[in-house]
PDB file of N, CA and C in Angstrom:
ATOM      1  N   MET A   1      30.987  24.512 -31.444  1.00  0.00           N
ATOM      2  CA  MET A   1      31.032  23.427 -31.001  1.00  0.00           C
ATOM      3  C   MET A   1      29.679  23.491 -30.164  1.00  0.00           C
ATOM      4  N   TYR A   2      28.900  21.932 -30.028  1.00  0.00           N
ATOM      5  CA  TYR A   2      27.802  21.743 -29.156  1.00  0.00           C
ATOM      6  C   TYR A   2      27.935  21.539 -27.688  1.00  0.00           C
ATOM      7  N   HIS A   3      27.501  22.364 -26.738  1.00  0.00           N
ATOM      8  CA  HIS A   3      27.659  22.633 -25.507  1.00  0.00           C
ATOM      9  C   HIS A   3      26.280  22.074 -24.965  1.00  0.00           C
ATOM     10  N   PRO A   4      26.246  20.938 -23.387  1.00  0.00           N
ATOM     11  CA  PRO A   4      25.168  20.546 -23.038  1.00  0.00           C
ATOM     12  C   PRO A   4      24.253  21.145 -22.675  1.00  0.00           C
ATOM     13  N   ALA A   5      24.256  22.707 -22.298  1.00  0.00           N
ATOM     14  CA  ALA A   5      24.494  24.019 -21.716  1.00  0.00           C
ATOM     15  C   ALA A   5      22.589  24.243 -22.663  1.00  0.00           C
ATOM     16  N   TRP A   6      23.237  24.260 -24.071  1.00  0.00           N
ATOM     17  CA  TRP A   6      21.965  24.695 -24.812  1.00  0.00           C
ATOM     18  C   TRP A   6      20.397  23.653 -25.046  1.00  0.00           C
ATOM     19  N   SER A   7      21.222  22.095 -24.452  1.00  0.00           N
ATOM     20  CA  SER A   7      19.886  21.251 -24.477  1.00  0.00           C
ATOM     21  C   SER A   7      18.737  21.611 -22.909  1.00  0.00           C
ATOM     22  N   LEU A   8      19.652  22.132 -22.110  1.00  0.00           N
ATOM     23  CA  LEU A   8      18.839  22.597 -21.158  1.00  0.00           C
ATOM     24  C   LEU A   8      17.847  24.061 -21.255  1.00  0.00           C
ATOM     25  N   VAL A   9      18.648  24.578 -22.183  1.00  0.00           N
ATOM     26  CA  VAL A   9      17.823  25.905 -22.561  1.00  0.00           C
ATOM     27  C   VAL A   9      16.589  25.681 -23.166  1.00  0.00           C
ATOM     28  N   VAL A  10      16.842  24.649 -24.302  1.00  0.00           N
ATOM     29  CA  VAL A  10      15.743  24.299 -25.321  1.00  0.00           C
ATOM     30  C   VAL A  10      14.713  23.486 -24.306  1.00  0.00           C
ATOM     31  N   VAL A  11      14.834  22.577 -23.714  1.00  0.00           N
ATOM     32  CA  VAL A  11      14.108  21.900 -22.765  1.00  0.00           C
ATOM     33  C   VAL A  11      13.271  22.837 -21.708  1.00  0.00           C
ATOM     34  N   GLY A  12      14.141  23.861 -21.296  1.00  0.00           N
ATOM     35  CA  GLY A  12      13.767  25.255 -20.540  1.00  0.00           C
ATOM     36  C   GLY A  12      12.421  25.855 -21.084  1.00  0.00           C
ATOM     37  N   ILE A  13      12.400  25.870 -22.643  1.00  0.00           N
ATOM     38  CA  ILE A  13      11.892  26.896 -23.405  1.00  0.00           C
ATOM     39  C   ILE A  13      10.767  26.048 -23.828  1.00  0.00           C
ATOM     40  N   LEU A  14      10.646  24.744 -24.335  1.00  0.00           N
ATOM     41  CA  LEU A  14       9.676  23.906 -24.542  1.00  0.00           C
ATOM     42  C   LEU A  14       8.577  24.076 -23.086  1.00  0.00           C
ATOM     43  N   ILE A  15       9.138  23.539 -21.863  1.00  0.00           N
ATOM     44  CA  ILE A  15       8.412  23.129 -20.784  1.00  0.00           C
ATOM     45  C   ILE A  15       7.343  24.922 -20.605  1.00  0.00           C
ATOM     46  N   ALA A  16       8.157  26.049 -20.795  1.00  0.00           N
ATOM     47  CA  ALA A  16       7.124  27.298 -20.753  1.00  0.00           C
ATOM     48  C   ALA A  16       6.297  27.534 -21.553  1.00  0.00           C
ATOM     49  N   GLY A  17       6.735  26.879 -22.947  1.00  0.00           N
ATOM     50  CA  GLY A  17       5.398  27.071 -23.771  1.00  0.00           C
ATOM     51  C   GLY A  17       4.483  26.156 -23.748  1.00  0.00           C
ATOM     52  N   ILE A  18       4.847  24.747 -23.283  1.00  0.00           N
ATOM     53  CA  ILE A  18       3.749  24.007 -22.635  1.00  0.00           C
ATOM     54  C   ILE A  18       3.291  24.831 -21.436  1.00  0.00           C
ATOM     55  N   GLY A  19       3.433  25.016 -20.506  1.00  0.00           N
ATOM     56  CA  GLY A  19       2.916  26.114 -19.110  1.00  0.00           C
ATOM     57  C   GLY A  19       1.829  26.959 -19.935  1.00  0.00           C
ATOM     58  N   LEU A  20       2.709  27.807 -20.801  1.00  0.00           N
ATOM     59  CA  LEU A  20       1.761  29.066 -21.555  1.00  0.00           C
ATOM     60  C   LEU A  20       0.580  28.313 -22.609  1.00  0.00           C
ATOM     61  N   LEU A  21       0.969  27.654 -22.983  1.00  0.00           N
ATOM     62  CA  LEU A  21      -0.613  26.870 -23.354  1.00  0.00           C
ATOM     63  C   LEU A  21      -1.633  25.656 -22.659  1.00  0.00           C
ATOM     64  N   TRP A  22      -0.920  25.395 -21.550  1.00  0.00           N
ATOM     65  CA  TRP A  22      -1.950  24.991 -20.841  1.00  0.00           C
ATOM     66  C   TRP A  22      -2.868  26.127 -20.269  1.00  0.00           C
ATOM     67  N   LEU A  23      -1.882  27.014 -20.013  1.00  0.00           N
ATOM     68  CA  LEU A  23      -2.276  28.643 -19.362  1.00  0.00           C
ATOM     69  C   LEU A  23      -3.503  29.052 -20.109  1.00  0.00           C
ATOM     70  N   PHE A  24      -3.185  29.249 -21.225  1.00  0.00           N
ATOM     71  CA  PHE A  24      -4.251  29.712 -22.265  1.00  0.00           C
ATOM     72  C   PHE A  24      -4.817  28.835 -23.135  1.00  0.00           C
ATOM     73  N   ALA A  25      -5.213  27.840 -23.246  1.00  0.00           N
ATOM     74  CA  ALA A  25      -5.759  26.430 -23.803  1.00  0.00           C
ATOM     75  C   ALA A  25      -7.360  27.009 -23.553  1.00  0.00           C
ATOM     76  N   PRO A  26      -7.884  27.163 -22.290  1.00  0.00           N
ATOM     77  CA  PRO A  26      -9.339  27.698 -22.420  1.00  0.00           C
ATOM     78  C   PRO A  26      -9.838  28.450 -23.006  1.00  0.00           C
ATOM     79  N   SER A  27      -9.061  30.068 -23.354  1.00  0.00           N
ATOM     80  CA  SER A  27      -9.317  30.576 -24.419  1.00  0.00           C
ATOM     81  C   SER A  27      -9.017  30.278 -25.485  1.00  0.00           C
ATOM     82  N   ILE A  28      -8.491  29.192 -25.930  1.00  0.00           N
ATOM     83  CA  ILE A  28      -8.700  28.578 -27.262  1.00  0.00           C
ATOM     84  C   ILE A  28      -9.516  27.903 -27.727  1.00  0.00           C
ATOM     85  N   PRO A  29     -10.580  28.576 -28.688  1.00  0.00           N
ATOM     86  CA  PRO A  29     -11.909  27.448 -28.029  1.00  0.00           C
ATOM     87  C   PRO A  29     -11.731  26.348 -29.702  1.00  0.00           C
ATOM     88  N   TRP A  30     -10.846  26.332 -30.316  1.00  0.00           N
ATOM     89  CA  TRP A  30     -10.986  25.330 -31.496  1.00  0.00           C
ATOM     90  C   TRP A  30      -9.923  23.944 -30.882  1.00  0.00           C
ATOM     91  N   LEU A  31      -9.223  24.836 -29.689  1.00  0.00           N
ATOM     92  CA  LEU A  31      -8.254  23.467 -29.184  1.00  0.00           C
ATOM     93  C   LEU A  31      -9.069  22.163 -28.891  1.00  0.00           C
ATOM     94  N   GLY A  32      -9.090  21.244 -29.217  1.00  0.00           N
ATOM     95  CA  GLY A  32      -9.313  20.189 -28.730  1.00  0.00           C
ATOM     96  C   GLY A  32     -11.053  19.795 -28.623  1.00  0.00           C
ATOM     97  N   LYS A  33     -11.621  20.453 -30.160  1.00  0.00           N
ATOM     98  CA  LYS A  33     -12.694  20.728 -30.830  1.00  0.00           C
ATOM     99  C   LYS A  33     -12.730  20.523 -32.173  1.00  0.00           C
ATOM    100  N   LEU A  34     -11.684  19.981 -32.965  1.00  0.00           N
ATOM    101  CA  LEU A  34     -11.595  19.720 -34.341  1.00  0.00           C
ATOM    102  C   LEU A  34     -12.301  18.924 -35.041  1.00  0.00           C
ATOM    103  N   PRO A  35     -12.863  19.256 -36.278  1.00  0.00           N
ATOM    104  CA  PRO A  35     -13.556  18.074 -36.821  1.00  0.00           C
ATOM    105  C   PRO A  35     -12.722  16.671 -36.618  1.00  0.00           C
ATOM    106  N   GLY A  36     -12.958  15.521 -36.673  1.00  0.00           N
ATOM    107  CA  GLY A  36     -12.650  14.225 -36.718  1.00  0.00           C
ATOM    108  C   GLY A  36     -12.189  13.900 -35.037  1.00  0.00           C
ATOM    109  N   ASP A  37     -12.458  14.911 -34.101  1.00  0.00           N
ATOM    110  CA  ASP A  37     -12.379  14.346 -32.387  1.00  0.00           C
ATOM    111  C   ASP A  37     -13.438  13.411 -32.451  1.00  0.00           C
ATOM    112  N   ILE A  38     -13.131  12.326 -31.176  1.00  0.00           N
ATOM    113  CA  ILE A  38     -14.324  11.786 -31.295  1.00  0.00           C
ATOM    114  C   ILE A  38     -14.488  11.668 -29.922  1.00  0.00           C
ATOM    115  N   VAL A  39     -16.390  11.924 -30.166  1.00  0.00           N
ATOM    116  CA  VAL A  39     -17.307  12.524 -28.718  1.00  0.00           C
ATOM    117  C   VAL A  39     -18.468  11.682 -28.657  1.00  0.00           C
ATOM    118  N   ILE A  40     -18.091  10.667 -27.641  1.00  0.00           N
ATOM    119  CA  ILE A  40     -19.583   9.894 -27.464  1.00  0.00           C
ATOM    120  C   ILE A  40     -20.072  10.499 -26.516  1.00  0.00           C
ATOM    121  N   GLU A  41     -21.327  11.003 -26.036  1.00  0.00           N
ATOM    122  CA  GLU A  41     -22.389  11.061 -25.216  1.00  0.00           C
ATOM    123  C   GLU A  41     -23.354  10.433 -24.640  1.00  0.00           C
ATOM    124  N   ARG A  42     -23.299   9.772 -23.627  1.00  0.00           N
ATOM    125  CA  ARG A  42     -24.683   8.729 -23.706  1.00  0.00           C
ATOM    126  C   ARG A  42     -25.340   9.732 -22.263  1.00  0.00           C
ATOM    127  N   GLN A  43     -26.369   8.844 -21.621  1.00  0.00           N
ATOM    128  CA  GLN A  43     -26.793   9.234 -20.772  1.00  0.00           C
ATOM    129  C   GLN A  43     -26.083   9.477 -19.030  1.00  0.00           C
ATOM    130  N   ASN A  44     -25.325   8.205 -19.313  1.00  0.00           N
ATOM    131  CA  ASN A  44     -24.522   7.991 -17.902  1.00  0.00           C
ATOM    132  C   ASN A  44     -22.919   8.014 -18.406  1.00  0.00           C
ATOM    133  N   PHE A  45     -22.814   8.356 -19.408  1.00  0.00           N
ATOM    134  CA  PHE A  45     -21.754   7.906 -19.721  1.00  0.00           C
ATOM    135  C   PHE A  45     -21.082   8.926 -20.845  1.00  0.00           C
ATOM    136  N   GLN A  46     -19.637   9.298 -20.945  1.00  0.00           N
ATOM    137  CA  GLN A  46     -19.256  10.672 -21.886  1.00  0.00           C
ATOM    138  C   GLN A  46     -17.897   9.871 -22.131  1.00  0.00           C
ATOM    139  N   PHE A  47     -17.758   9.776 -23.899  1.00  0.00           N
ATOM    140  CA  PHE A  47     -15.704   9.367 -23.977  1.00  0.00           C
ATOM    141  C   PHE A  47     -15.812  10.679 -24.699  1.00  0.00           C
ATOM    142  N   TYR A  48     -14.507  10.728 -24.938  1.00  0.00           N
ATOM    143  CA  TYR A  48     -14.210  12.230 -25.947  1.00  0.00           C
ATOM    144  C   TYR A  48     -12.282  11.731 -25.845  1.00  0.00           C
ATOM    145  N   PHE A  49     -12.005  11.764 -26.972  1.00  0.00           N
ATOM    146  CA  PHE A  49     -10.654  11.549 -27.956  1.00  0.00           C
ATOM    147  C   PHE A  49     -10.329  12.221 -28.444  1.00  0.00           C
ATOM    148  N   PRO A  50      -9.505  13.022 -28.540  1.00  0.00           N
ATOM    149  CA  PRO A  50      -8.898  14.373 -29.760  1.00  0.00           C
ATOM    150  C   PRO A  50      -8.238  13.895 -30.557  1.00  0.00           C
ATOM    151  N   VAL A  51      -8.437  12.757 -31.287  1.00  0.00           N
ATOM    152  CA  VAL A  51      -7.977  12.223 -32.477  1.00  0.00           C
ATOM    153  C   VAL A  51      -6.926  12.681 -33.687  1.00  0.00           C
ATOM    154  N   VAL A  52      -7.886  14.328 -33.999  1.00  0.00           N
ATOM    155  CA  VAL A  52      -6.918  15.216 -34.998  1.00  0.00           C
ATOM    156  C   VAL A  52      -6.576  16.136 -33.673  1.00  0.00           C
ATOM    157  N   THR A  53      -6.721  16.760 -33.328  1.00  0.00           N
ATOM    158  CA  THR A  53      -5.843  17.425 -32.131  1.00  0.00           C
ATOM    159  C   THR A  53      -4.730  16.935 -32.017  1.00  0.00           C
ATOM    160  N   CYS A  54      -4.667  15.852 -31.875  1.00  0.00           N
ATOM    161  CA  CYS A  54      -3.672  14.838 -30.954  1.00  0.00           C
ATOM    162  C   CYS A  54      -2.398  15.008 -32.120  1.00  0.00           C
ATOM    163  N   ILE A  55      -3.242  14.626 -33.673  1.00  0.00           N
ATOM    164  CA  ILE A  55      -2.165  14.861 -34.798  1.00  0.00           C
ATOM    165  C   ILE A  55      -1.513  16.125 -35.037  1.00  0.00           C
ATOM    166  N   LEU A  56      -2.527  16.899 -35.016  1.00  0.00           N
ATOM    167  CA  LEU A  56      -1.840  18.242 -35.287  1.00  0.00           C
ATOM    168  C   LEU A  56      -1.190  19.385 -34.423  1.00  0.00           C
ATOM    169  N   LEU A  57      -1.268  17.981 -32.776  1.00  0.00           N
ATOM    170  CA  LEU A  57       0.382  19.068 -32.207  1.00  0.00           C
ATOM    171  C   LEU A  57       1.557  18.199 -32.689  1.00  0.00           C
ATOM    172  N   SER A  58       1.092  16.435 -33.060  1.00  0.00           N
ATOM    173  CA  SER A  58       2.311  15.807 -32.959  1.00  0.00           C
ATOM    174  C   SER A  58       2.954  16.590 -34.489  1.00  0.00           C
ATOM    175  N   ILE A  59       1.959  16.841 -35.430  1.00  0.00           N
ATOM    176  CA  ILE A  59       2.625  17.689 -36.592  1.00  0.00           C
ATOM    177  C   ILE A  59       3.708  18.725 -36.558  1.00  0.00           C
ATOM    178  N   VAL A  60       2.968  19.275 -35.563  1.00  0.00           N
ATOM    179  CA  VAL A  60       3.414  20.624 -35.051  1.00  0.00           C
ATOM    180  C   VAL A  60       4.830  20.719 -33.904  1.00  0.00           C
ATOM    181  N   MET A  61       4.908  19.745 -33.399  1.00  0.00           N
ATOM    182  CA  MET A  61       5.908  19.505 -32.438  1.00  0.00           C
ATOM    183  C   MET A  61       7.107  18.492 -33.182  1.00  0.00           C
ATOM    184  N   SER A  62       7.077  17.605 -34.546  1.00  0.00           N
ATOM    185  CA  SER A  62       7.939  17.148 -35.150  1.00  0.00           C
ATOM    186  C   SER A  62       8.586  18.216 -36.138  1.00  0.00           C
ATOM    187  N   ALA A  63       7.559  19.623 -36.588  1.00  0.00           N
ATOM    188  CA  ALA A  63       8.258  20.423 -37.327  1.00  0.00           C
ATOM    189  C   ALA A  63       9.353  21.060 -36.348  1.00  0.00           C
ATOM    190  N   ILE A  64       8.809  21.423 -35.294  1.00  0.00           N
ATOM    191  CA  ILE A  64       9.770  22.458 -34.381  1.00  0.00           C
ATOM    192  C   ILE A  64      10.968  21.615 -34.034  1.00  0.00           C
ATOM    193  N   LEU A  65      11.194  19.828 -33.745  1.00  0.00           N
ATOM    194  CA  LEU A  65      12.314  19.568 -33.251  1.00  0.00           C
ATOM    195  C   LEU A  65      13.161  19.198 -34.867  1.00  0.00           C
ATOM    196  N   TRP A  66      12.481  19.186 -35.826  1.00  0.00           N
ATOM    197  CA  TRP A  66      13.510  19.162 -37.151  1.00  0.00           C
ATOM    198  C   TRP A  66      13.675  20.269 -37.535  1.00  0.00           C
ATOM    199  N   LEU A  67      13.028  21.481 -37.327  1.00  0.00           N
ATOM    200  CA  LEU A  67      13.959  22.934 -37.075  1.00  0.00           C
ATOM    201  C   LEU A  67      15.185  22.855 -35.965  1.00  0.00           C
ATOM    202  N   MET A  68      14.611  22.299 -35.034  1.00  0.00           N
ATOM    203  CA  MET A  68      16.052  22.792 -34.073  1.00  0.00           C
ATOM    204  C   MET A  68      17.043  22.137 -34.891  1.00  0.00           C
ATOM    205  N   ARG A  69      16.897  20.785 -34.748  1.00  0.00           N
ATOM    206  CA  ARG A  69      17.911  19.486 -35.551  1.00  0.00           C
ATOM    207  C   ARG A  69      18.552  20.365 -37.103  1.00  0.00           C
ATOM    208  N   TYR A  70      18.155  20.770 -37.645  1.00  0.00           N
ATOM    209  CA  TYR A  70      18.178  21.714 -38.832  1.00  0.00           C
ATOM    210  C   TYR A  70      19.327  22.768 -38.682  1.00  0.00           C
ATOM    211  N   PHE A  71      18.973  23.670 -37.777  1.00  0.00           N
ATOM    212  CA  PHE A  71      19.848  24.825 -37.548  1.00  0.00           C
ATOM    213  C   PHE A  71      21.036  24.512 -36.652  1.00  0.00           C
ATOM    214  N   SER A  72      20.608  23.294 -35.860  1.00  0.00           N
ATOM    215  CA  SER A  72      21.869  22.834 -34.971  1.00  0.00           C
ATOM    216  C   SER A  72      23.336  22.619 -35.710  1.00  0.00           C
ATOM    217  N   ARG A  73      22.647  22.454 -36.848  1.00  0.00           N
ATOM    218  CA  ARG A  73      24.180  21.610 -37.692  1.00  0.00           C
ATOM    219  C   ARG A  73      25.259  22.762 -38.429  1.00  0.00           C
TER     220      ARG A  73
END
């Protein structure tokens, strides 16, 4: 039977994972610099939008949530 405490455990693990990613992100050189990320640099202006990085992170998070739902049945 499903118990609400498991939700807190999963949320805690996700927060810890995000914290570790945030901690180690500067040492991952390809994160945020994938082909397809938009970078516009002018003399007094810089615009950066990591499109492909966002899509990749969305796919990974969707897969994790799908696996959680699949194994919770």
